[in-house]
Amino acid sequence: MNLILQKDESYFIRAFKQLVRFGWEQALSCIFPVVIFASLAFTKIVPLPFLPRYDWLLLICILMQWLMVRTRLETLDELKVITLFHLIGLALELFKVHMGSWAYPGEGYSKLFGVPLYSGFMYASVASYLCQAWRRLNVELINWPPFLIVASLAASIYLNFFTHHFWIDVRWWLSGLVIIVFWKSWVTYEVNGTRYRMPIALSFVLIGFFIWIAENIATFFGAWQYPNQSVAWSLVHLGKVSSWLLLVIVSFLIVATLKRVKGNNSIKRKDTKKSKNM
């Protein structure tokens, strides 16, 4: 009986240690988003001189991105992915602000058609997290669908953010399609030498939910403003989880595709080198 209790206790202790280690790796992967949130909070509480708040936020984000690469927390390849997300996010911001989905009421020299340029870094920070977590947790994909299916699905989800203003909103159809396409797909990750796995669709939901929580924090500190928050801050509608879920899917699909392409290229280079040596 004592032996069984000792085994159970040992199991729970190890599980707790693994959970702490997993949380620590996740926290390290969130350095860029944490800096953005801290900057939002600080500039909200402490008025900075010489420049409007949005411009200070842009300078902080640029400096942080430079430091991430300079200290090798991010590689140059990851910087390319993050830059791509910056442009994708900025294009979405320009359109959504124009359509009145949300607004940036503050002043700023770095605003373009009502959108402060720092906003692109908020999307880039999601890509930064994915790249960091991918490397730190040694992520691998099982039963990943063909490239054309993945690329078409990602493009359709992204385009729906624009087209639903003029046509029907097919986000729920796309969500169902995601479940079908990735029904047999799994993501595996490593924590302290032990590998775990979960369905990819579940990982999408979890990341989307936590980004929704982050969105509430960001709007509280005035990162942007929804129409229902113009008078006083209120909780972001839970329905926004679906939007973030789909955006996370686009982010994950792009990162996963680029990672796999990079990995395949590396294998080809190794094979070529081996052939030359032979």
C-alpha atoms as a PDB file:
ATOM      1  CA  MET A   1       0.000   0.000   0.000  1.00  0.00           C
ATOM      2  CA  ASN A   2       2.808   2.387   0.922  1.00  0.00           C
ATOM      3  CA  LEU A   3       4.589   1.507  -2.314  1.00  0.00           C
ATOM      4  CA  ILE A   4       1.493   2.429  -4.347  1.00  0.00           C
ATOM      5  CA  LEU A   5       1.150   5.744  -2.485  1.00  0.00           C
ATOM      6  CA  GLN A   6       4.827   6.499  -3.079  1.00  0.00           C
ATOM      7  CA  LYS A   7       4.412   5.796  -6.802  1.00  0.00           C
ATOM      8  CA  ASP A   8       1.332   8.022  -6.992  1.00  0.00           C
ATOM      9  CA  GLU A   9       3.129  10.794  -5.121  1.00  0.00           C
ATOM     10  CA  SER A  10       6.162  10.461  -7.371  1.00  0.00           C
ATOM     11  CA  TYR A  11       3.918  10.625 -10.451  1.00  0.00           C
ATOM     12  CA  PHE A  12       2.150  13.798  -9.299  1.00  0.00           C
ATOM     13  CA  ILE A  13       5.436  15.461  -8.321  1.00  0.00           C
ATOM     14  CA  ARG A  14       6.907  14.727 -11.742  1.00  0.00           C
ATOM     15  CA  ALA A  15       3.713  15.901 -13.473  1.00  0.00           C
ATOM     16  CA  PHE A  16       3.831  19.143 -11.486  1.00  0.00           C
ATOM     17  CA  LYS A  17       7.502  19.677 -12.340  1.00  0.00           C
ATOM     18  CA  GLN A  18       6.759  19.065 -16.014  1.00  0.00           C
ATOM     19  CA  LEU A  19       3.880  21.540 -15.889  1.00  0.00           C
ATOM     20  CA  VAL A  20       6.121  24.174 -14.289  1.00  0.00           C
ATOM     21  CA  ARG A  21       8.832  23.541 -16.876  1.00  0.00           C
ATOM     22  CA  PHE A  22       6.270  23.787 -19.690  1.00  0.00           C
ATOM     23  CA  GLY A  23       4.971  27.055 -18.247  1.00  0.00           C
ATOM     24  CA  TRP A  24       8.504  28.420 -18.005  1.00  0.00           C
ATOM     25  CA  GLU A  25       9.252  27.598 -21.642  1.00  0.00           C
ATOM     26  CA  GLN A  26       5.971  29.222 -22.652  1.00  0.00           C
ATOM     27  CA  ALA A  27       6.849  32.335 -20.632  1.00  0.00           C
ATOM     28  CA  LEU A  28      10.250  32.577 -22.337  1.00  0.00           C
ATOM     29  CA  SER A  29       8.511  32.262 -25.699  1.00  0.00           C
ATOM     30  CA  CYS A  30       6.272  35.227 -24.828  1.00  0.00           C
ATOM     31  CA  ILE A  31       9.057  37.771 -24.280  1.00  0.00           C
ATOM     32  CA  PHE A  32       8.013  39.981 -27.183  1.00  0.00           C
ATOM     33  CA  PRO A  33       4.280  40.000 -26.289  1.00  0.00           C
ATOM     34  CA  VAL A  34       5.129  40.677 -22.632  1.00  0.00           C
ATOM     35  CA  VAL A  35       7.247  43.696 -23.609  1.00  0.00           C
ATOM     36  CA  ILE A  36       4.357  45.036 -25.703  1.00  0.00           C
ATOM     37  CA  PHE A  37       1.886  44.627 -22.818  1.00  0.00           C
ATOM     38  CA  ALA A  38       4.314  46.192 -20.363  1.00  0.00           C
ATOM     39  CA  SER A  39       4.846  49.120 -22.746  1.00  0.00           C
ATOM     40  CA  LEU A  40       1.093  49.579 -23.157  1.00  0.00           C
ATOM     41  CA  ALA A  41       0.628  49.621 -19.394  1.00  0.00           C
ATOM     42  CA  PHE A  42       3.574  51.940 -18.729  1.00  0.00           C
ATOM     43  CA  THR A  43       2.671  54.481 -21.410  1.00  0.00           C
ATOM     44  CA  LYS A  44      -0.939  54.418 -20.248  1.00  0.00           C
ATOM     45  CA  ILE A  45       0.019  55.284 -16.659  1.00  0.00           C
ATOM     46  CA  VAL A  46       3.069  57.489 -17.285  1.00  0.00           C
ATOM     47  CA  PRO A  47       2.794  60.185 -19.990  1.00  0.00           C
ATOM     48  CA  LEU A  48       6.053  60.329 -21.934  1.00  0.00           C
ATOM     49  CA  PRO A  49       7.437  63.644 -23.255  1.00  0.00           C
ATOM     50  CA  PHE A  50       8.298  64.871 -26.760  1.00  0.00           C
ATOM     51  CA  LEU A  51       6.296  62.284 -28.738  1.00  0.00           C
ATOM     52  CA  PRO A  52       2.710  60.970 -28.725  1.00  0.00           C
ATOM     53  CA  ARG A  53       2.127  57.607 -27.083  1.00  0.00           C
ATOM     54  CA  TYR A  54       1.718  55.653 -30.327  1.00  0.00           C
ATOM     55  CA  ASP A  55       5.119  56.863 -31.541  1.00  0.00           C
ATOM     56  CA  TRP A  56       6.814  55.819 -28.308  1.00  0.00           C
ATOM     57  CA  LEU A  57       5.215  52.383 -28.646  1.00  0.00           C
ATOM     58  CA  LEU A  58       6.561  52.084 -32.192  1.00  0.00           C
ATOM     59  CA  LEU A  59      10.090  53.003 -31.059  1.00  0.00           C
ATOM     60  CA  ILE A  60       9.916  50.504 -28.185  1.00  0.00           C
ATOM     61  CA  CYS A  61       8.756  47.735 -30.527  1.00  0.00           C
ATOM     62  CA  ILE A  62      11.517  48.472 -33.046  1.00  0.00           C
ATOM     63  CA  LEU A  63      14.122  48.505 -30.273  1.00  0.00           C
ATOM     64  CA  MET A  64      12.802  45.239 -28.851  1.00  0.00           C
ATOM     65  CA  GLN A  65      12.842  43.583 -32.264  1.00  0.00           C
ATOM     66  CA  TRP A  66      16.436  44.697 -32.757  1.00  0.00           C
ATOM     67  CA  LEU A  67      17.413  43.342 -29.330  1.00  0.00           C
ATOM     68  CA  MET A  68      15.703  40.001 -30.024  1.00  0.00           C
ATOM     69  CA  VAL A  69      17.837  39.501 -33.127  1.00  0.00           C
ATOM     70  CA  ARG A  70      20.978  41.054 -31.625  1.00  0.00           C
ATOM     71  CA  THR A  71      20.879  38.719 -28.603  1.00  0.00           C
ATOM     72  CA  ARG A  72      19.973  35.781 -30.861  1.00  0.00           C
ATOM     73  CA  LEU A  73      16.683  35.170 -29.120  1.00  0.00           C
ATOM     74  CA  GLU A  74      15.378  35.203 -32.675  1.00  0.00           C
ATOM     75  CA  THR A  75      17.155  34.030 -35.802  1.00  0.00           C
ATOM     76  CA  LEU A  76      17.222  35.899 -39.092  1.00  0.00           C
ATOM     77  CA  ASP A  77      14.897  33.290 -40.596  1.00  0.00           C
ATOM     78  CA  GLU A  78      12.433  33.887 -37.765  1.00  0.00           C
ATOM     79  CA  LEU A  79      12.742  37.631 -38.340  1.00  0.00           C
ATOM     80  CA  LYS A  80      11.633  37.093 -41.950  1.00  0.00           C
ATOM     81  CA  VAL A  81       8.546  35.205 -40.750  1.00  0.00           C
ATOM     82  CA  ILE A  82       7.783  37.892 -38.163  1.00  0.00           C
ATOM     83  CA  THR A  83       8.164  40.657 -40.764  1.00  0.00           C
ATOM     84  CA  LEU A  84       5.703  38.821 -43.014  1.00  0.00           C
ATOM     85  CA  PHE A  85       3.182  38.757 -40.157  1.00  0.00           C
ATOM     86  CA  HIS A  86       3.784  42.436 -39.489  1.00  0.00           C
ATOM     87  CA  LEU A  87       2.770  43.238 -43.077  1.00  0.00           C
ATOM     88  CA  ILE A  88      -0.208  40.841 -43.017  1.00  0.00           C
ATOM     89  CA  GLY A  89      -1.418  42.319 -39.731  1.00  0.00           C
ATOM     90  CA  LEU A  90      -0.922  45.906 -40.860  1.00  0.00           C
ATOM     91  CA  ALA A  91      -2.934  45.302 -44.027  1.00  0.00           C
ATOM     92  CA  LEU A  92      -5.752  43.847 -41.927  1.00  0.00           C
ATOM     93  CA  GLU A  93      -5.592  46.792 -39.511  1.00  0.00           C
ATOM     94  CA  LEU A  94      -5.831  49.355 -42.318  1.00  0.00           C
ATOM     95  CA  PHE A  95      -8.912  47.682 -43.715  1.00  0.00           C
ATOM     96  CA  LYS A  96     -10.673  47.037 -40.394  1.00  0.00           C
ATOM     97  CA  VAL A  97     -10.136  50.565 -39.111  1.00  0.00           C
ATOM     98  CA  HIS A  98     -11.429  51.920 -42.419  1.00  0.00           C
ATOM     99  CA  MET A  99     -14.554  49.752 -42.011  1.00  0.00           C
ATOM    100  CA  GLY A 100     -15.072  50.947 -38.439  1.00  0.00           C
ATOM    101  CA  SER A 101     -14.475  47.585 -36.755  1.00  0.00           C
ATOM    102  CA  TRP A 102     -12.213  49.287 -34.207  1.00  0.00           C
ATOM    103  CA  ALA A 103     -10.264  52.519 -33.874  1.00  0.00           C
ATOM    104  CA  TYR A 104      -7.080  54.134 -32.578  1.00  0.00           C
ATOM    105  CA  PRO A 105      -8.326  57.446 -31.151  1.00  0.00           C
ATOM    106  CA  GLY A 106      -4.943  58.701 -29.926  1.00  0.00           C
ATOM    107  CA  GLU A 107      -2.598  61.067 -31.752  1.00  0.00           C
ATOM    108  CA  GLY A 108       0.587  59.949 -33.451  1.00  0.00           C
ATOM    109  CA  TYR A 109       3.020  60.990 -36.172  1.00  0.00           C
ATOM    110  CA  SER A 110       3.399  57.335 -37.175  1.00  0.00           C
ATOM    111  CA  LYS A 111      -0.290  56.808 -37.986  1.00  0.00           C
ATOM    112  CA  LEU A 112      -1.131  55.700 -41.514  1.00  0.00           C
ATOM    113  CA  PHE A 113      -4.794  56.172 -42.503  1.00  0.00           C
ATOM    114  CA  GLY A 114      -5.751  56.129 -38.836  1.00  0.00           C
ATOM    115  CA  VAL A 115      -3.604  53.099 -37.956  1.00  0.00           C
ATOM    116  CA  PRO A 116      -0.442  53.494 -35.844  1.00  0.00           C
ATOM    117  CA  LEU A 117       2.420  51.483 -37.299  1.00  0.00           C
ATOM    118  CA  TYR A 118       3.170  49.856 -33.955  1.00  0.00           C
ATOM    119  CA  SER A 119      -0.032  47.808 -34.378  1.00  0.00           C
ATOM    120  CA  GLY A 120       1.720  45.533 -36.866  1.00  0.00           C
ATOM    121  CA  PHE A 121       4.070  44.447 -34.088  1.00  0.00           C
ATOM    122  CA  MET A 122       1.119  43.042 -32.129  1.00  0.00           C
ATOM    123  CA  TYR A 123       0.560  40.556 -34.936  1.00  0.00           C
ATOM    124  CA  ALA A 124       4.300  40.028 -35.248  1.00  0.00           C
ATOM    125  CA  SER A 125       4.443  39.169 -31.536  1.00  0.00           C
ATOM    126  CA  VAL A 126       2.082  36.231 -32.182  1.00  0.00           C
ATOM    127  CA  ALA A 127       4.474  34.956 -34.845  1.00  0.00           C
ATOM    128  CA  SER A 128       7.385  35.563 -32.460  1.00  0.00           C
ATOM    129  CA  TYR A 129       5.678  33.411 -29.833  1.00  0.00           C
ATOM    130  CA  LEU A 130       5.016  30.602 -32.329  1.00  0.00           C
ATOM    131  CA  CYS A 131       8.608  30.616 -33.588  1.00  0.00           C
ATOM    132  CA  GLN A 132      10.063  30.720 -30.067  1.00  0.00           C
ATOM    133  CA  ALA A 133       7.782  27.976 -28.734  1.00  0.00           C
ATOM    134  CA  TRP A 134       8.442  25.855 -31.816  1.00  0.00           C
ATOM    135  CA  ARG A 135      12.172  25.943 -31.181  1.00  0.00           C
ATOM    136  CA  ARG A 136      12.123  25.687 -27.378  1.00  0.00           C
ATOM    137  CA  LEU A 137       9.666  22.782 -27.282  1.00  0.00           C
ATOM    138  CA  ASN A 138      11.138  21.025 -30.319  1.00  0.00           C
ATOM    139  CA  VAL A 139       7.737  20.907 -32.023  1.00  0.00           C
ATOM    140  CA  GLU A 140       7.052  18.257 -34.660  1.00  0.00           C
ATOM    141  CA  LEU A 141       3.962  17.700 -36.808  1.00  0.00           C
ATOM    142  CA  ILE A 142       2.311  14.358 -37.520  1.00  0.00           C
ATOM    143  CA  ASN A 143       0.086  13.689 -40.555  1.00  0.00           C
ATOM    144  CA  TRP A 144       0.420  17.239 -41.838  1.00  0.00           C
ATOM    145  CA  PRO A 145      -1.895  17.850 -44.845  1.00  0.00           C
ATOM    146  CA  PRO A 146      -0.520  18.613 -48.340  1.00  0.00           C
ATOM    147  CA  PHE A 147       0.842  22.100 -49.007  1.00  0.00           C
ATOM    148  CA  LEU A 148      -1.861  23.136 -51.494  1.00  0.00           C
ATOM    149  CA  ILE A 149      -4.649  22.310 -49.030  1.00  0.00           C
ATOM    150  CA  VAL A 150      -2.921  24.159 -46.194  1.00  0.00           C
ATOM    151  CA  ALA A 151      -2.117  27.208 -48.335  1.00  0.00           C
ATOM    152  CA  SER A 152      -5.652  27.386 -49.757  1.00  0.00           C
ATOM    153  CA  LEU A 153      -7.214  27.095 -46.299  1.00  0.00           C
ATOM    154  CA  ALA A 154      -4.955  29.808 -44.827  1.00  0.00           C
ATOM    155  CA  ALA A 155      -5.672  32.146 -47.750  1.00  0.00           C
ATOM    156  CA  SER A 156      -9.437  31.552 -47.475  1.00  0.00           C
ATOM    157  CA  ILE A 157      -9.459  32.295 -43.737  1.00  0.00           C
ATOM    158  CA  TYR A 158      -7.451  35.492 -44.205  1.00  0.00           C
ATOM    159  CA  LEU A 159      -9.580  36.703 -47.125  1.00  0.00           C
ATOM    160  CA  ASN A 160     -12.776  36.105 -45.142  1.00  0.00           C
ATOM    161  CA  PHE A 161     -11.665  38.816 -42.692  1.00  0.00           C
ATOM    162  CA  PHE A 162     -12.087  41.221 -45.621  1.00  0.00           C
ATOM    163  CA  THR A 163     -14.888  39.729 -47.701  1.00  0.00           C
ATOM    164  CA  HIS A 164     -17.407  39.195 -44.881  1.00  0.00           C
ATOM    165  CA  HIS A 165     -17.997  42.961 -44.880  1.00  0.00           C
ATOM    166  CA  PHE A 166     -19.422  42.692 -48.393  1.00  0.00           C
ATOM    167  CA  TRP A 167     -20.547  39.068 -48.566  1.00  0.00           C
ATOM    168  CA  ILE A 168     -21.636  36.333 -46.181  1.00  0.00           C
ATOM    169  CA  ASP A 169     -19.385  35.464 -43.237  1.00  0.00           C
ATOM    170  CA  VAL A 170     -18.169  31.902 -43.755  1.00  0.00           C
ATOM    171  CA  ARG A 171     -15.943  31.696 -40.660  1.00  0.00           C
ATOM    172  CA  TRP A 172     -17.947  28.806 -39.174  1.00  0.00           C
ATOM    173  CA  TRP A 173     -17.756  26.876 -42.422  1.00  0.00           C
ATOM    174  CA  LEU A 174     -14.020  27.476 -42.467  1.00  0.00           C
ATOM    175  CA  SER A 175     -13.765  26.368 -38.832  1.00  0.00           C
ATOM    176  CA  GLY A 176     -15.525  23.138 -39.734  1.00  0.00           C
ATOM    177  CA  LEU A 177     -13.194  22.704 -42.689  1.00  0.00           C
ATOM    178  CA  VAL A 178     -10.209  23.115 -40.353  1.00  0.00           C
ATOM    179  CA  ILE A 179     -11.495  20.253 -38.195  1.00  0.00           C
ATOM    180  CA  ILE A 180     -11.942  18.040 -41.271  1.00  0.00           C
ATOM    181  CA  VAL A 181      -8.549  18.866 -42.792  1.00  0.00           C
ATOM    182  CA  PHE A 182      -6.633  18.424 -39.519  1.00  0.00           C
ATOM    183  CA  TRP A 183      -8.725  15.598 -38.058  1.00  0.00           C
ATOM    184  CA  LYS A 184      -5.780  13.165 -38.117  1.00  0.00           C
ATOM    185  CA  SER A 185      -3.053  15.764 -37.506  1.00  0.00           C
ATOM    186  CA  TRP A 186      -1.169  15.984 -34.232  1.00  0.00           C
ATOM    187  CA  VAL A 187       1.487  18.267 -32.814  1.00  0.00           C
ATOM    188  CA  THR A 188       4.175  16.777 -30.594  1.00  0.00           C
ATOM    189  CA  TYR A 189       6.396  18.763 -28.254  1.00  0.00           C
ATOM    190  CA  GLU A 190       9.159  18.026 -25.787  1.00  0.00           C
ATOM    191  CA  VAL A 191       9.361  19.046 -22.142  1.00  0.00           C
ATOM    192  CA  ASN A 192      12.516  18.141 -20.234  1.00  0.00           C
ATOM    193  CA  GLY A 193      13.267  15.154 -22.450  1.00  0.00           C
ATOM    194  CA  THR A 194       9.703  13.777 -22.512  1.00  0.00           C
ATOM    195  CA  ARG A 195       7.534  14.079 -25.606  1.00  0.00           C
ATOM    196  CA  TYR A 196       3.828  14.845 -25.457  1.00  0.00           C
ATOM    197  CA  ARG A 197       1.215  15.284 -28.152  1.00  0.00           C
ATOM    198  CA  MET A 198      -2.162  16.881 -28.713  1.00  0.00           C
ATOM    199  CA  PRO A 199      -4.543  17.317 -31.649  1.00  0.00           C
ATOM    200  CA  ILE A 200      -3.564  20.350 -33.702  1.00  0.00           C
ATOM    201  CA  ALA A 201      -7.156  21.627 -33.675  1.00  0.00           C
ATOM    202  CA  LEU A 202      -7.062  21.699 -29.855  1.00  0.00           C
ATOM    203  CA  SER A 203      -3.822  23.701 -29.895  1.00  0.00           C
ATOM    204  CA  PHE A 204      -5.536  26.251 -32.182  1.00  0.00           C
ATOM    205  CA  VAL A 205      -8.393  26.665 -29.706  1.00  0.00           C
ATOM    206  CA  LEU A 206      -6.088  27.043 -26.694  1.00  0.00           C
ATOM    207  CA  ILE A 207      -3.844  29.639 -28.346  1.00  0.00           C
ATOM    208  CA  GLY A 208      -6.876  31.551 -29.662  1.00  0.00           C
ATOM    209  CA  PHE A 209      -8.456  31.648 -26.194  1.00  0.00           C
ATOM    210  CA  PHE A 210      -5.316  32.959 -24.520  1.00  0.00           C
ATOM    211  CA  ILE A 211      -4.911  35.617 -27.213  1.00  0.00           C
ATOM    212  CA  TRP A 212      -8.514  36.693 -26.483  1.00  0.00           C
ATOM    213  CA  ILE A 213      -7.480  37.127 -22.836  1.00  0.00           C
ATOM    214  CA  ALA A 214      -4.469  39.135 -24.019  1.00  0.00           C
ATOM    215  CA  GLU A 215      -6.795  41.217 -26.199  1.00  0.00           C
ATOM    216  CA  ASN A 216      -8.820  42.194 -23.135  1.00  0.00           C
ATOM    217  CA  ILE A 217      -5.634  43.305 -21.400  1.00  0.00           C
ATOM    218  CA  ALA A 218      -4.510  45.240 -24.486  1.00  0.00           C
ATOM    219  CA  THR A 219      -7.811  47.092 -24.905  1.00  0.00           C
ATOM    220  CA  PHE A 220      -7.868  47.861 -21.177  1.00  0.00           C
ATOM    221  CA  PHE A 221      -4.555  49.664 -21.616  1.00  0.00           C
ATOM    222  CA  GLY A 222      -5.805  51.452 -24.734  1.00  0.00           C
ATOM    223  CA  ALA A 223      -3.950  49.537 -27.444  1.00  0.00           C
ATOM    224  CA  TRP A 224      -7.052  49.995 -29.602  1.00  0.00           C
ATOM    225  CA  GLN A 225     -10.743  50.565 -29.024  1.00  0.00           C
ATOM    226  CA  TYR A 226     -13.880  48.717 -30.098  1.00  0.00           C
ATOM    227  CA  PRO A 227     -17.065  50.746 -30.696  1.00  0.00           C
ATOM    228  CA  ASN A 228     -18.625  49.453 -27.443  1.00  0.00           C
ATOM    229  CA  GLN A 229     -15.551  50.663 -25.525  1.00  0.00           C
ATOM    230  CA  SER A 230     -15.714  54.293 -26.657  1.00  0.00           C
ATOM    231  CA  VAL A 231     -17.353  55.483 -23.420  1.00  0.00           C
ATOM    232  CA  ALA A 232     -15.844  53.031 -20.940  1.00  0.00           C
ATOM    233  CA  TRP A 233     -13.831  49.830 -21.180  1.00  0.00           C
ATOM    234  CA  SER A 234     -15.816  46.607 -21.253  1.00  0.00           C
ATOM    235  CA  LEU A 235     -14.946  42.971 -21.768  1.00  0.00           C
ATOM    236  CA  VAL A 236     -14.271  42.038 -25.376  1.00  0.00           C
ATOM    237  CA  HIS A 237     -17.152  39.962 -26.703  1.00  0.00           C
ATOM    238  CA  LEU A 238     -16.507  36.239 -26.372  1.00  0.00           C
ATOM    239  CA  GLY A 239     -17.361  35.866 -30.041  1.00  0.00           C
ATOM    240  CA  LYS A 240     -13.987  37.466 -30.830  1.00  0.00           C
ATOM    241  CA  VAL A 241     -12.399  34.169 -29.778  1.00  0.00           C
ATOM    242  CA  SER A 242     -13.500  32.753 -33.142  1.00  0.00           C
ATOM    243  CA  SER A 243     -11.726  35.603 -34.961  1.00  0.00           C
ATOM    244  CA  TRP A 244      -8.516  35.084 -33.029  1.00  0.00           C
ATOM    245  CA  LEU A 245      -8.849  31.328 -33.457  1.00  0.00           C
ATOM    246  CA  LEU A 246      -8.918  31.744 -37.230  1.00  0.00           C
ATOM    247  CA  LEU A 247      -6.066  34.259 -37.165  1.00  0.00           C
ATOM    248  CA  VAL A 248      -4.001  31.865 -35.046  1.00  0.00           C
ATOM    249  CA  ILE A 249      -4.714  29.129 -37.584  1.00  0.00           C
ATOM    250  CA  VAL A 250      -3.400  31.362 -40.383  1.00  0.00           C
ATOM    251  CA  SER A 251      -0.317  32.176 -38.278  1.00  0.00           C
ATOM    252  CA  PHE A 252       0.306  28.545 -37.381  1.00  0.00           C
ATOM    253  CA  LEU A 253      -0.154  27.325 -40.944  1.00  0.00           C
ATOM    254  CA  ILE A 254       2.299  29.871 -42.329  1.00  0.00           C
ATOM    255  CA  VAL A 255       4.918  29.171 -39.644  1.00  0.00           C
ATOM    256  CA  ALA A 256       4.462  25.407 -39.980  1.00  0.00           C
ATOM    257  CA  THR A 257       4.762  25.537 -43.772  1.00  0.00           C
ATOM    258  CA  LEU A 258       7.901  27.682 -43.664  1.00  0.00           C
ATOM    259  CA  LYS A 259       9.433  25.484 -40.960  1.00  0.00           C
ATOM    260  CA  ARG A 260       8.781  22.355 -42.994  1.00  0.00           C
ATOM    261  CA  VAL A 261      10.148  23.952 -46.176  1.00  0.00           C
ATOM    262  CA  LYS A 262      13.259  25.022 -44.269  1.00  0.00           C
ATOM    263  CA  GLY A 263      13.617  21.538 -42.804  1.00  0.00           C
ATOM    264  CA  ASN A 264      13.239  19.877 -46.197  1.00  0.00           C
ATOM    265  CA  ASN A 265      15.813  22.240 -47.688  1.00  0.00           C
ATOM    266  CA  SER A 266      18.219  21.377 -44.859  1.00  0.00           C
ATOM    267  CA  ILE A 267      17.770  17.667 -45.530  1.00  0.00           C
ATOM    268  CA  LYS A 268      18.381  18.184 -49.224  1.00  0.00           C
ATOM    269  CA  ARG A 269      21.561  20.138 -48.511  1.00  0.00           C
ATOM    270  CA  LYS A 270      22.814  17.388 -46.195  1.00  0.00           C
ATOM    271  CA  ASP A 271      22.053  14.728 -48.779  1.00  0.00           C
ATOM    272  CA  THR A 272      23.845  16.733 -51.455  1.00  0.00           C
ATOM    273  CA  LYS A 273      26.865  17.215 -49.238  1.00  0.00           C
ATOM    274  CA  LYS A 274      26.960  13.506 -48.422  1.00  0.00           C
ATOM    275  CA  SER A 275      26.819  12.605 -52.111  1.00  0.00           C
ATOM    276  CA  LYS A 276      29.729  14.929 -52.848  1.00  0.00           C
ATOM    277  CA  ASN A 277      31.826  13.361 -50.102  1.00  0.00           C
ATOM    278  CA  MET A 278      31.069   9.913 -51.492  1.00  0.00           C
END
